[in-house]
């Protein structure tokens, strides 16, 4: 066999595209061969396992299933092994009832989980609503607090002004009294000077 070495770096763009398309075709051919071999193997497996039965006939499928589960279900007279459709359907109903009983437990637990999830979502929604109302109440209380602080400052200012005014009023009569006494002394002193 002759080794051919191809320098890919020296190929032009059209040559590279041609090489890529050839390689892609080879991969598709390999995938097609693999798929064909798998389908042949699957057909051989089905034929080997279910060769006795016609897979397109549902009664034959029911017969096969009944043989696997409980043996052949026939009319009662052992004449040819022809399945009794009523007996087959009763068997099918029994199998479906068993399957339903088995699935009732998991579906019930799923229903319970769904209910608990919806309860949790409802509780989360109520909590968010309560928090929003709590935020509103907090905001309202903060506003009320600011208003009361302003009123307190105004009242304190008014009280100080009243205290200052009352001190002035108290000081004024004594000031007037002093003025009167001072004036009376001056008049008395002036009268004494006149007498002398």
Protein backbone atom coordinates (compact mmCIF):
# COMPACT_ATOMS: atom_id res chain seq x y z
CA UNK A 1 0.00 0.00 0.00
CA UNK A 2 1.25 3.37 -0.90
CA UNK A 3 1.20 6.05 1.74
CA UNK A 4 -0.06 9.30 0.40
CA UNK A 5 0.72 12.35 2.38
CA UNK A 6 -1.40 15.34 1.71
CA UNK A 7 -0.40 18.77 2.86
CA UNK A 8 -3.69 20.31 3.94
CA UNK A 9 -2.08 23.70 4.52
CA UNK A 10 -1.21 24.04 0.86
CA UNK A 11 -4.74 23.34 -0.41
CA UNK A 12 -6.83 26.18 -1.73
CA UNK A 13 -10.24 27.06 -0.38
CA UNK A 14 -12.23 25.23 -3.11
CA UNK A 15 -10.05 22.13 -2.64
CA UNK A 16 -10.64 22.24 1.12
CA UNK A 17 -14.38 22.53 0.56
CA UNK A 18 -14.29 19.54 -1.77
CA UNK A 19 -12.34 17.51 0.80
CA UNK A 20 -14.81 18.49 3.51
CA UNK A 21 -17.80 17.44 1.40
CA UNK A 22 -16.18 14.07 0.64
CA UNK A 23 -15.52 13.45 4.34
CA UNK A 24 -19.08 14.49 5.20
CA UNK A 25 -20.42 12.02 2.61
CA UNK A 26 -18.35 9.24 4.13
CA UNK A 27 -19.73 10.02 7.60
CA UNK A 28 -23.29 9.98 6.30
CA UNK A 29 -22.63 6.62 4.64
CA UNK A 30 -21.26 5.23 7.92
CA UNK A 31 -24.35 6.48 9.82
CA UNK A 32 -26.61 4.85 7.21
CA UNK A 33 -24.79 1.52 7.56
CA UNK A 34 -24.99 1.68 11.36
CA UNK A 35 -28.72 2.48 11.23
CA UNK A 36 -29.36 -0.39 8.78
CA UNK A 37 -27.47 -2.89 10.94
CA UNK A 38 -29.36 -1.79 14.04
CA UNK A 39 -32.75 -2.12 12.33
CA UNK A 40 -31.81 -5.60 11.05
CA UNK A 41 -30.76 -6.61 14.55
CA UNK A 42 -34.01 -5.22 15.98
CA UNK A 43 -36.09 -7.07 13.37
CA UNK A 44 -34.23 -10.29 14.17
CA UNK A 45 -34.82 -9.77 17.91
CA UNK A 46 -38.56 -9.16 17.43
CA UNK A 47 -38.86 -12.18 15.15
CA UNK A 48 -36.97 -14.32 17.63
CA UNK A 49 -39.08 -13.22 20.59
CA UNK A 50 -42.52 -12.79 19.04
CA UNK A 51 -42.26 -15.02 15.96
CA UNK A 52 -45.35 -17.04 16.89
CA UNK A 53 -47.66 -14.03 17.01
CA UNK A 54 -48.93 -11.57 14.48
CA UNK A 55 -48.04 -8.17 15.94
CA UNK A 56 -50.79 -6.35 14.06
CA UNK A 57 -53.60 -8.40 15.69
CA UNK A 58 -54.59 -7.01 19.15
CA UNK A 59 -56.29 -10.25 20.22
CA UNK A 60 -53.11 -12.15 19.54
CA UNK A 61 -51.19 -9.60 21.62
CA UNK A 62 -53.71 -10.07 24.44
CA UNK A 63 -53.30 -13.82 24.15
CA UNK A 64 -49.54 -13.51 24.37
CA UNK A 65 -49.86 -11.30 27.45
CA UNK A 66 -52.31 -13.65 29.10
CA UNK A 67 -49.97 -16.59 28.51
CA UNK A 68 -47.20 -14.69 30.18
CA UNK A 69 -49.39 -13.70 33.16
CA UNK A 70 -51.67 -16.63 33.86
CA UNK A 71 -51.55 -19.13 31.01
CA UNK A 72 -53.87 -19.40 28.01
CA UNK A 73 -57.45 -18.17 28.53
CA UNK A 74 -59.83 -20.27 26.45
CA UNK A 75 -63.57 -20.97 26.18
CA UNK A 76 -63.58 -23.86 28.54
CA UNK A 77 -63.61 -26.53 25.89
CA UNK A 78 -60.02 -27.15 24.96
CA UNK A 79 -60.88 -26.93 21.29
CA UNK A 80 -58.15 -25.12 19.49
CA UNK A 81 -57.05 -22.53 22.03
CA UNK A 82 -59.25 -19.76 20.64
CA UNK A 83 -59.27 -16.94 23.16
CA UNK A 84 -62.55 -15.91 24.75
CA UNK A 85 -62.74 -12.12 24.20
CA UNK A 86 -64.85 -11.58 27.32
CA UNK A 87 -62.38 -13.46 29.50
CA UNK A 88 -59.49 -11.59 27.90
CA UNK A 89 -61.18 -8.24 28.57
CA UNK A 90 -61.88 -9.25 32.19
CA UNK A 91 -58.21 -10.14 32.58
CA UNK A 92 -57.27 -6.81 31.02
CA UNK A 93 -59.62 -4.98 33.42
CA UNK A 94 -58.06 -6.81 36.38
CA UNK A 95 -54.57 -5.85 35.21
CA UNK A 96 -55.66 -2.23 34.74
CA UNK A 97 -57.22 -2.18 38.22
CA UNK A 98 -53.92 -3.41 39.70
CA UNK A 99 -52.01 -0.78 37.78
CA UNK A 100 -54.50 1.89 38.92
CA UNK A 101 -54.07 0.83 42.56
CA UNK A 102 -50.30 1.01 42.20
CA UNK A 103 -50.44 4.48 40.66
CA UNK A 104 -53.00 5.85 43.12
CA UNK A 105 -50.37 6.14 45.87
CA UNK A 106 -47.84 8.21 43.89
CA UNK A 107 -50.53 10.40 42.35
CA UNK A 108 -52.06 10.99 45.78
CA UNK A 109 -48.70 12.04 47.17
CA UNK A 110 -48.17 14.30 44.15
CA UNK A 111 -51.60 15.84 44.78
CA UNK A 112 -50.69 16.38 48.43
CA UNK A 113 -47.39 17.97 47.43
CA UNK A 114 -49.20 20.19 44.94
CA UNK A 115 -51.63 21.26 47.66
CA UNK A 116 -48.80 21.96 50.06
CA UNK A 117 -46.94 23.93 47.38
CA UNK A 118 -50.04 25.99 46.66
CA UNK A 119 -50.51 26.54 50.40
CA UNK A 120 -46.91 27.71 50.68
CA UNK A 121 -47.36 30.06 47.73
CA UNK A 122 -50.53 31.46 49.34
CA UNK A 123 -48.70 31.95 52.63
CA UNK A 124 -45.83 33.66 50.80
CA UNK A 125 -48.32 35.98 49.07
CA UNK A 126 -50.04 36.80 52.38
CA UNK A 127 -46.67 37.44 54.03
CA UNK A 128 -45.69 39.81 51.22
CA UNK A 129 -49.03 41.59 51.58
CA UNK A 130 -48.58 41.85 55.36
CA UNK A 131 -45.07 43.20 54.87
CA UNK A 132 -46.37 45.79 52.41
CA UNK A 133 -49.08 46.83 54.88
CA UNK A 134 -46.48 46.91 57.65
CA UNK A 135 -44.30 49.15 55.50
CA UNK A 136 -47.28 51.44 54.93
CA UNK A 137 -47.99 51.59 58.67
CA UNK A 138 -44.31 52.25 59.41
CA UNK A 139 -44.27 55.07 56.85
CA UNK A 140 -47.45 56.54 58.32
CA UNK A 141 -46.01 56.36 61.86
CA UNK A 142 -42.77 58.01 60.72
CA UNK A 143 -44.77 60.88 59.18
CA UNK A 144 -46.84 61.21 62.37
CA UNK A 145 -43.65 61.24 64.44
CA UNK A 146 -42.13 64.01 62.30
CA UNK A 147 -45.36 66.02 62.60
CA UNK A 148 -45.43 65.61 66.39
CA UNK A 149 -41.76 66.62 66.65
CA UNK A 150 -42.51 69.79 64.70
CA UNK A 151 -45.49 70.53 66.95
CA UNK A 152 -43.33 69.93 70.03
CA UNK A 153 -40.67 72.34 68.76
CA UNK A 154 -43.36 74.97 68.06
CA UNK A 155 -44.86 74.51 71.54
CA UNK A 156 -41.43 74.73 73.18
CA UNK A 157 -40.67 77.92 71.26
CA UNK A 158 -44.05 79.40 72.23
CA UNK A 159 -43.52 78.41 75.88
CA UNK A 160 -40.08 80.07 75.92
CA UNK A 161 -41.58 83.23 74.44
CA UNK A 162 -44.32 83.20 77.06
CA UNK A 163 -41.76 82.70 79.85
CA UNK A 164 -39.67 85.58 78.50
CA UNK A 165 -42.75 87.78 78.22
CA UNK A 166 -43.92 86.91 81.75
CA UNK A 167 -40.43 87.73 83.12
CA UNK A 168 -40.54 91.05 81.33
CA UNK A 169 -43.98 91.75 82.73
CA UNK A 170 -42.82 90.88 86.23
CA UNK A 171 -39.71 93.02 85.80
CA UNK A 172 -41.66 96.00 84.45
CA UNK A 173 -43.76 96.64 87.60
CA UNK A 174 -40.69 96.53 89.78
CA UNK A 175 -38.93 98.81 87.32
CA UNK A 176 -41.83 101.23 87.42
CA UNK A 177 -41.90 100.97 91.19
CA UNK A 178 -38.20 101.78 91.28
CA UNK A 179 -38.77 104.68 88.94
CA UNK A 180 -41.60 105.96 91.16
CA UNK A 181 -39.49 105.52 94.29
CA UNK A 182 -36.60 107.19 92.59
CA UNK A 183 -38.84 110.01 91.47
CA UNK A 184 -40.35 110.31 94.95
CA UNK A 185 -36.83 110.53 96.43
CA UNK A 186 -35.87 113.14 93.91
CA UNK A 187 -39.02 115.11 94.71
CA UNK A 188 -38.35 114.75 98.44
CA UNK A 189 -34.74 115.82 97.92
CA UNK A 190 -35.88 118.77 95.81
CA UNK A 191 -38.43 119.72 98.49
CA UNK A 192 -35.72 119.56 101.16
CA UNK A 193 -33.45 121.72 99.10
CA UNK A 194 -36.19 124.24 98.66
CA UNK A 195 -36.82 124.35 102.36
CA UNK A 196 -33.30 125.02 103.12
